Amino acid sequence: LFDVENAKLVIAWGMNWITTKMPDSHWLTEARLKGVKTVAVTVEYSATASKCDDVVVIRPGTDPALALGVAQVLIAEKRYDADFVRRFTDLPTLVRMDTLERLKAADVFPGYAEKPWQNWAQVVPTGQKAPPTPQQNGVYVPEALKPDFADCVVWDEKQKRPVAIGHDHVGTHFDALGVRPALTGAFKVKLADGKTVAARPVFDLTAEYLRANMRPEQCRKITWAPEEAIRRLARDVAASGGRTLIACGMGPNQFWNNDNKDRALFLVLALAGSLGRHGGNIGSYAGTYKNTIFSGI
């Protein structure tokens, strides 16, 4: 929570910060003194809500829907950070429409050899442990899970063709590839076996789902939050310039869909370019690394 000092927008999401985090309440107070905008997402008018600039009261258990509603506005109003999305997330990767599975580089390029990890991702050999968290620099993947991180494919708008992307290619390492992944569109991709399949970016599929199911008027019916509150929250997130901090409380984790809540919050922050930057993460449950890829699905 001390990272609040770097934020421009703080969202206390399901956290009664003033009451349940008393030793840390001064961080919120000091942020307010500096002019940081504060928003409470809550199911009640809590002590923390009374101290925030805006309050969004929702039905218990509808946190995932609210987050997806915010994501829908970010995409529909083109307020997302496209550069960040391309360089740091898996939202540009292609999904094959025949199986709805992520398209693997080995499926497309004959005799493909997986790209070695030598930038920031590291494999932890079986029987060994990753270094203590403060000593880690990047992401550590257990050897048994390495196949789950197989190289994927994006559609390069410059070359008008599919290009293989390794899990190790993020940030400046991604820039070195010189590709510009398409975020929207449908593409015909020829596979290594000669078959041609239709493929679309994860971003495009996500946008379609949100447009069909999570527009503000639809989100209102689920969450009871006013449409304008949903739009305003999305616009505030976008206006923070990548400096949104979501401090997520334990309350929303008591519902069966709490995992979807976290995925939806990560989607919002990924779209806003807030992951891994100062003042940009989900507090309490998920620390972030500067170059971490976060799933959009």
Protein backbone atom coordinates (compact mmCIF):
# COMPACT_ATOMS: atom_id res chain seq x y z
CA LEU A 1 0.00 0.00 0.00
CA PHE A 2 2.97 2.34 0.38
CA ASP A 3 3.05 2.61 -3.43
CA VAL A 4 0.04 4.91 -3.11
CA GLU A 5 2.48 7.81 -3.05
CA ASN A 6 3.24 7.16 -6.72
CA ALA A 7 -0.39 6.88 -7.83
CA LYS A 8 -2.67 9.44 -9.42
CA LEU A 9 -5.79 7.34 -8.87
CA VAL A 10 -6.41 5.00 -5.94
CA ILE A 11 -9.34 2.60 -5.97
CA ALA A 12 -10.16 0.91 -2.67
CA TRP A 13 -11.96 -2.08 -4.19
CA GLY A 14 -13.83 -4.06 -1.56
CA MET A 15 -11.41 -2.83 1.09
CA ASN A 16 -12.48 -0.81 4.11
CA TRP A 17 -8.99 0.63 4.25
CA ILE A 18 -9.53 3.09 7.11
CA THR A 19 -11.03 0.44 9.40
CA THR A 20 -9.25 -2.83 8.57
CA LYS A 21 -5.83 -1.46 7.60
CA MET A 22 -5.39 1.02 10.40
CA PRO A 23 -1.54 0.96 10.46
CA ASP A 24 -1.60 1.70 6.73
CA SER A 25 -4.41 4.24 6.70
CA HIS A 26 -1.97 7.13 6.69
CA TRP A 27 -0.89 6.21 3.15
CA LEU A 28 -4.39 6.92 1.92
CA THR A 29 -4.66 10.11 3.94
CA GLU A 30 -1.32 11.39 2.65
CA ALA A 31 -2.30 10.57 -0.92
CA ARG A 32 -5.45 12.62 -0.54
CA LEU A 33 -3.42 15.54 0.82
CA LYS A 34 -1.31 15.38 -2.35
CA GLY A 35 -4.39 15.59 -4.53
CA VAL A 36 -4.61 11.94 -5.55
CA LYS A 37 -8.14 11.04 -6.60
CA THR A 38 -9.68 8.28 -4.49
CA VAL A 39 -12.57 5.98 -5.34
CA ALA A 40 -14.27 3.37 -3.17
CA VAL A 41 -15.90 0.35 -4.78
CA THR A 42 -18.00 -1.13 -2.02
CA VAL A 43 -21.25 -2.86 -1.11
CA GLU A 44 -21.90 -0.42 1.71
CA TYR A 45 -21.16 3.15 2.71
CA SER A 46 -18.07 2.28 4.72
CA ALA A 47 -15.72 4.47 6.74
CA THR A 48 -13.35 4.48 3.77
CA ALA A 49 -16.14 5.42 1.37
CA SER A 50 -16.88 8.50 3.44
CA LYS A 51 -13.32 9.70 2.83
CA CYS A 52 -13.19 9.10 -0.94
CA ASP A 53 -13.93 11.50 -3.78
CA ASP A 54 -16.22 9.01 -5.53
CA VAL A 55 -18.12 5.96 -4.28
CA VAL A 56 -19.48 3.15 -6.45
CA VAL A 57 -21.85 0.92 -4.49
CA ILE A 58 -22.50 -2.48 -6.11
CA ARG A 59 -24.37 -5.68 -5.34
CA PRO A 60 -22.27 -8.21 -3.41
CA GLY A 61 -20.47 -10.63 -5.70
CA THR A 62 -20.75 -8.52 -8.85
CA ASP A 63 -17.17 -7.20 -8.76
CA PRO A 64 -16.12 -9.10 -11.92
CA ALA A 65 -18.99 -7.57 -13.86
CA LEU A 66 -18.07 -4.04 -12.79
CA ALA A 67 -14.44 -4.54 -13.78
CA LEU A 68 -15.47 -5.93 -17.17
CA GLY A 69 -17.82 -2.99 -17.61
CA VAL A 70 -14.91 -0.63 -17.01
CA ALA A 71 -12.80 -2.59 -19.50
CA GLN A 72 -15.58 -2.34 -22.08
CA VAL A 73 -15.62 1.45 -21.82
CA LEU A 74 -11.83 1.64 -22.08
CA ILE A 75 -11.93 -0.30 -25.33
CA ALA A 76 -15.11 1.21 -26.80
CA GLU A 77 -13.92 4.77 -26.19
CA LYS A 78 -10.37 3.90 -27.31
CA ARG A 79 -8.93 5.01 -23.99
CA TYR A 80 -6.61 2.02 -23.63
CA ASP A 81 -2.81 2.21 -23.92
CA ALA A 82 -2.26 0.41 -27.23
CA ASP A 83 1.53 0.61 -26.99
CA PHE A 84 1.56 -1.01 -23.56
CA VAL A 85 -0.92 -3.68 -24.68
CA ARG A 86 1.28 -4.62 -27.63
CA ARG A 87 4.56 -4.67 -25.70
CA PHE A 88 3.59 -6.14 -22.33
CA THR A 89 0.48 -8.33 -22.67
CA ASP A 90 -0.72 -11.39 -24.54
CA LEU A 91 -3.77 -9.56 -25.90
CA PRO A 92 -2.27 -9.36 -29.44
CA THR A 93 -1.68 -13.14 -29.68
CA LEU A 94 -3.79 -15.03 -32.20
CA VAL A 95 -6.53 -17.52 -31.40
CA ARG A 96 -7.50 -20.05 -34.07
CA MET A 97 -11.22 -19.97 -34.75
CA ASP A 98 -11.59 -23.68 -35.50
CA THR A 99 -10.58 -24.82 -32.00
CA LEU A 100 -10.66 -21.49 -30.06
CA GLU A 101 -7.18 -22.32 -28.78
CA ARG A 102 -4.19 -20.02 -28.84
CA LEU A 103 -2.23 -20.43 -32.05
CA LYS A 104 1.21 -21.88 -31.34
CA ALA A 105 4.27 -21.03 -33.40
CA ALA A 106 4.93 -24.74 -33.88
CA ASP A 107 1.51 -25.05 -35.54
CA VAL A 108 2.41 -22.45 -38.15
CA PHE A 109 6.09 -22.70 -38.97
CA PRO A 110 7.46 -26.07 -40.23
CA GLY A 111 10.28 -27.44 -38.06
CA TYR A 112 9.89 -24.59 -35.60
CA ALA A 113 12.31 -24.49 -32.65
CA GLU A 114 11.17 -22.74 -29.47
CA LYS A 115 12.99 -19.48 -28.79
CA PRO A 116 15.41 -19.72 -25.84
CA TRP A 117 14.67 -17.76 -22.69
CA GLN A 118 17.55 -15.38 -22.12
CA ASN A 119 16.00 -12.03 -21.30
CA TRP A 120 13.84 -12.13 -18.18
CA ALA A 121 12.02 -15.50 -18.04
CA GLN A 122 13.85 -18.37 -16.37
CA VAL A 123 13.15 -22.07 -15.89
CA VAL A 124 13.40 -23.57 -12.42
CA PRO A 125 14.77 -27.14 -12.86
CA THR A 126 12.79 -29.97 -11.29
CA GLY A 127 13.80 -30.42 -7.67
CA GLN A 128 15.06 -26.87 -7.30
CA LYS A 129 13.37 -23.75 -5.93
CA ALA A 130 13.24 -20.23 -7.25
CA PRO A 131 15.24 -17.61 -5.33
CA PRO A 132 13.50 -15.72 -2.51
CA THR A 133 11.11 -13.13 -3.91
CA PRO A 134 13.30 -10.06 -3.10
CA GLN A 135 16.13 -11.66 -5.12
CA GLN A 136 14.07 -12.50 -8.18
CA ASN A 137 14.53 -10.54 -11.40
CA GLY A 138 11.84 -11.59 -13.84
CA VAL A 139 9.53 -14.59 -13.85
CA TYR A 140 10.51 -18.10 -12.75
CA VAL A 141 8.65 -21.00 -14.35
CA PRO A 142 8.85 -24.58 -12.97
CA GLU A 143 10.32 -26.92 -15.57
CA ALA A 144 7.15 -29.03 -15.65
CA LEU A 145 5.13 -25.98 -16.73
CA LYS A 146 7.51 -24.86 -19.48
CA PRO A 147 5.35 -26.45 -22.26
CA ASP A 148 2.45 -24.22 -21.19
CA PHE A 149 4.53 -21.20 -22.22
CA ALA A 150 5.14 -22.29 -25.80
CA ASP A 151 5.87 -19.55 -28.33
CA CYS A 152 2.73 -17.92 -29.74
CA VAL A 153 1.86 -16.01 -32.89
CA VAL A 154 0.83 -12.43 -33.67
CA TRP A 155 -0.14 -10.82 -36.97
CA ASP A 156 2.45 -8.23 -37.95
CA GLU A 157 0.77 -5.20 -39.51
CA LYS A 158 4.06 -4.17 -41.14
CA GLN A 159 4.84 -7.41 -42.95
CA LYS A 160 1.22 -8.54 -43.30
CA ARG A 161 2.05 -12.02 -42.07
CA PRO A 162 2.15 -14.13 -38.90
CA VAL A 163 5.22 -13.78 -36.68
CA ALA A 164 6.37 -15.98 -33.79
CA ILE A 165 6.69 -14.34 -30.38
CA GLY A 166 8.43 -15.95 -27.43
CA HIS A 167 7.38 -15.61 -23.81
CA ASP A 168 10.70 -13.88 -23.26
CA HIS A 169 9.94 -11.05 -25.70
CA VAL A 170 8.37 -8.23 -23.71
CA GLY A 171 9.14 -4.56 -23.31
CA THR A 172 12.46 -3.55 -24.88
CA HIS A 173 13.05 -7.18 -25.87
CA PHE A 174 9.82 -7.05 -27.83
CA ASP A 175 10.81 -3.77 -29.46
CA ALA A 176 13.94 -5.42 -30.85
CA LEU A 177 11.76 -7.72 -32.97
CA GLY A 178 10.52 -4.73 -34.98
CA VAL A 179 6.96 -6.01 -35.32
CA ARG A 180 3.65 -4.23 -34.83
CA PRO A 181 1.01 -6.77 -33.76
CA ALA A 182 -2.55 -6.21 -34.91
CA LEU A 183 -5.03 -5.87 -32.06
CA THR A 184 -8.12 -6.28 -34.21
CA GLY A 185 -9.10 -8.10 -37.36
CA ALA A 186 -9.52 -11.61 -38.78
CA PHE A 187 -6.64 -13.26 -40.61
CA LYS A 188 -6.08 -16.38 -42.69
CA VAL A 189 -3.05 -18.27 -41.42
CA LYS A 190 -1.49 -21.19 -43.25
CA LEU A 191 -0.41 -23.95 -40.87
CA ALA A 192 2.65 -26.13 -41.09
CA ASP A 193 0.49 -29.05 -42.28
CA GLY A 194 -0.82 -27.03 -45.22
CA LYS A 195 -4.22 -26.30 -43.72
CA THR A 196 -5.45 -22.69 -43.52
CA VAL A 197 -7.32 -21.45 -40.47
CA ALA A 198 -8.97 -18.20 -39.52
CA ALA A 199 -7.42 -16.46 -36.52
CA ARG A 200 -8.15 -13.37 -34.44
CA PRO A 201 -6.25 -11.54 -31.68
CA VAL A 202 -7.27 -12.11 -28.07
CA PHE A 203 -7.89 -8.36 -27.85
CA ASP A 204 -10.41 -8.53 -30.70
CA LEU A 205 -12.28 -11.47 -29.16
CA THR A 206 -12.29 -9.80 -25.76
CA ALA A 207 -13.66 -6.58 -27.23
CA GLU A 208 -16.42 -8.52 -29.01
CA TYR A 209 -17.44 -10.31 -25.82
CA LEU A 210 -17.50 -7.10 -23.80
CA ARG A 211 -19.43 -5.25 -26.50
CA ALA A 212 -22.07 -8.00 -26.52
CA ASN A 213 -22.37 -8.52 -22.77
CA MET A 214 -20.83 -5.76 -20.67
CA ARG A 215 -21.81 -2.37 -22.02
CA PRO A 216 -22.63 0.12 -19.23
CA GLU A 217 -26.37 -0.40 -19.58
CA GLN A 218 -25.89 -4.17 -19.27
CA CYS A 219 -23.38 -3.85 -16.44
CA ARG A 220 -25.83 -1.65 -14.53
CA LYS A 221 -28.43 -4.41 -14.50
CA ILE A 222 -25.93 -6.83 -12.95
CA THR A 223 -24.15 -4.54 -10.51
CA TRP A 224 -26.79 -1.84 -9.88
CA ALA A 225 -24.03 0.74 -10.36
CA PRO A 226 -25.22 3.73 -12.42
CA GLU A 227 -24.07 3.75 -16.04
CA GLU A 228 -22.38 7.10 -15.59
CA ALA A 229 -20.45 5.77 -12.58
CA ILE A 230 -19.07 2.94 -14.73
CA ARG A 231 -18.05 5.31 -17.51
CA ARG A 232 -16.55 7.81 -15.08
CA LEU A 233 -14.49 5.14 -13.34
CA ALA A 234 -13.11 3.94 -16.69
CA ARG A 235 -12.26 7.47 -17.76
CA ASP A 236 -10.53 8.17 -14.44
CA VAL A 237 -8.42 5.02 -14.87
CA ALA A 238 -7.44 6.10 -18.38
CA ALA A 239 -6.71 9.67 -17.26
CA SER A 240 -4.21 8.48 -14.63
CA GLY A 241 -1.67 7.81 -17.36
CA GLY A 242 -0.76 4.36 -16.09
CA ARG A 243 -0.73 5.37 -12.42
CA THR A 244 -3.83 3.62 -11.10
CA LEU A 245 -3.51 1.55 -7.95
CA ILE A 246 -6.29 -0.87 -7.05
CA ALA A 247 -6.15 -1.91 -3.41
CA CYS A 248 -8.31 -5.02 -3.37
CA GLY A 249 -9.78 -6.18 -0.09
CA MET A 250 -10.61 -9.63 1.22
CA GLY A 251 -14.38 -9.15 0.94
CA PRO A 252 -14.72 -9.83 -2.80
CA ASN A 253 -12.65 -13.00 -2.36
CA GLN A 254 -15.43 -14.64 -0.38
CA PHE A 255 -17.44 -15.29 -3.53
CA TRP A 256 -17.11 -18.28 -5.85
CA ASN A 257 -16.20 -16.03 -8.79
CA ASN A 258 -13.32 -14.23 -7.05
CA ASP A 259 -10.78 -15.61 -9.53
CA ASN A 260 -12.69 -13.95 -12.35
CA LYS A 261 -12.69 -10.74 -10.34
CA ASP A 262 -8.89 -10.75 -10.26
CA ARG A 263 -8.61 -11.57 -13.96
CA ALA A 264 -11.00 -8.75 -14.79
CA LEU A 265 -9.06 -6.27 -12.65
CA PHE A 266 -5.81 -7.29 -14.30
CA LEU A 267 -7.47 -6.77 -17.69
CA VAL A 268 -8.45 -3.22 -16.70
CA LEU A 269 -4.93 -2.41 -15.53
CA ALA A 270 -3.34 -4.05 -18.58
CA LEU A 271 -5.52 -1.96 -20.90
CA ALA A 272 -4.62 1.18 -18.94
CA GLY A 273 -0.89 0.43 -18.97
CA SER A 274 -0.80 0.36 -15.18
CA LEU A 275 0.78 -3.03 -14.50
CA GLY A 276 4.30 -2.96 -13.17
CA ARG A 277 4.59 0.81 -13.11
CA HIS A 278 4.77 3.02 -10.03
CA GLY A 279 1.31 3.33 -8.61
CA GLY A 280 -0.02 0.64 -10.93
CA ASN A 281 -0.93 -2.75 -9.53
CA ILE A 282 -3.49 -4.69 -7.59
CA GLY A 283 -2.68 -4.36 -3.93
CA SER A 284 -2.87 -7.14 -1.33
CA TYR A 285 -2.89 -10.13 -3.64
CA ALA A 286 -0.74 -9.60 -6.70
CA GLY A 287 2.69 -8.04 -6.85
CA THR A 288 3.87 -7.19 -10.35
CA TYR A 289 7.12 -7.19 -12.24
CA LYS A 290 8.09 -4.55 -14.75
CA ASN A 291 8.15 -6.95 -17.68
CA THR A 292 5.46 -9.43 -16.74
CA ILE A 293 2.95 -10.62 -19.31
CA PHE A 294 -0.57 -10.70 -17.94
CA SER A 295 -3.28 -12.74 -19.59
CA GLY A 296 -6.24 -11.00 -21.11
CA ILE A 297 -8.40 -14.14 -21.15
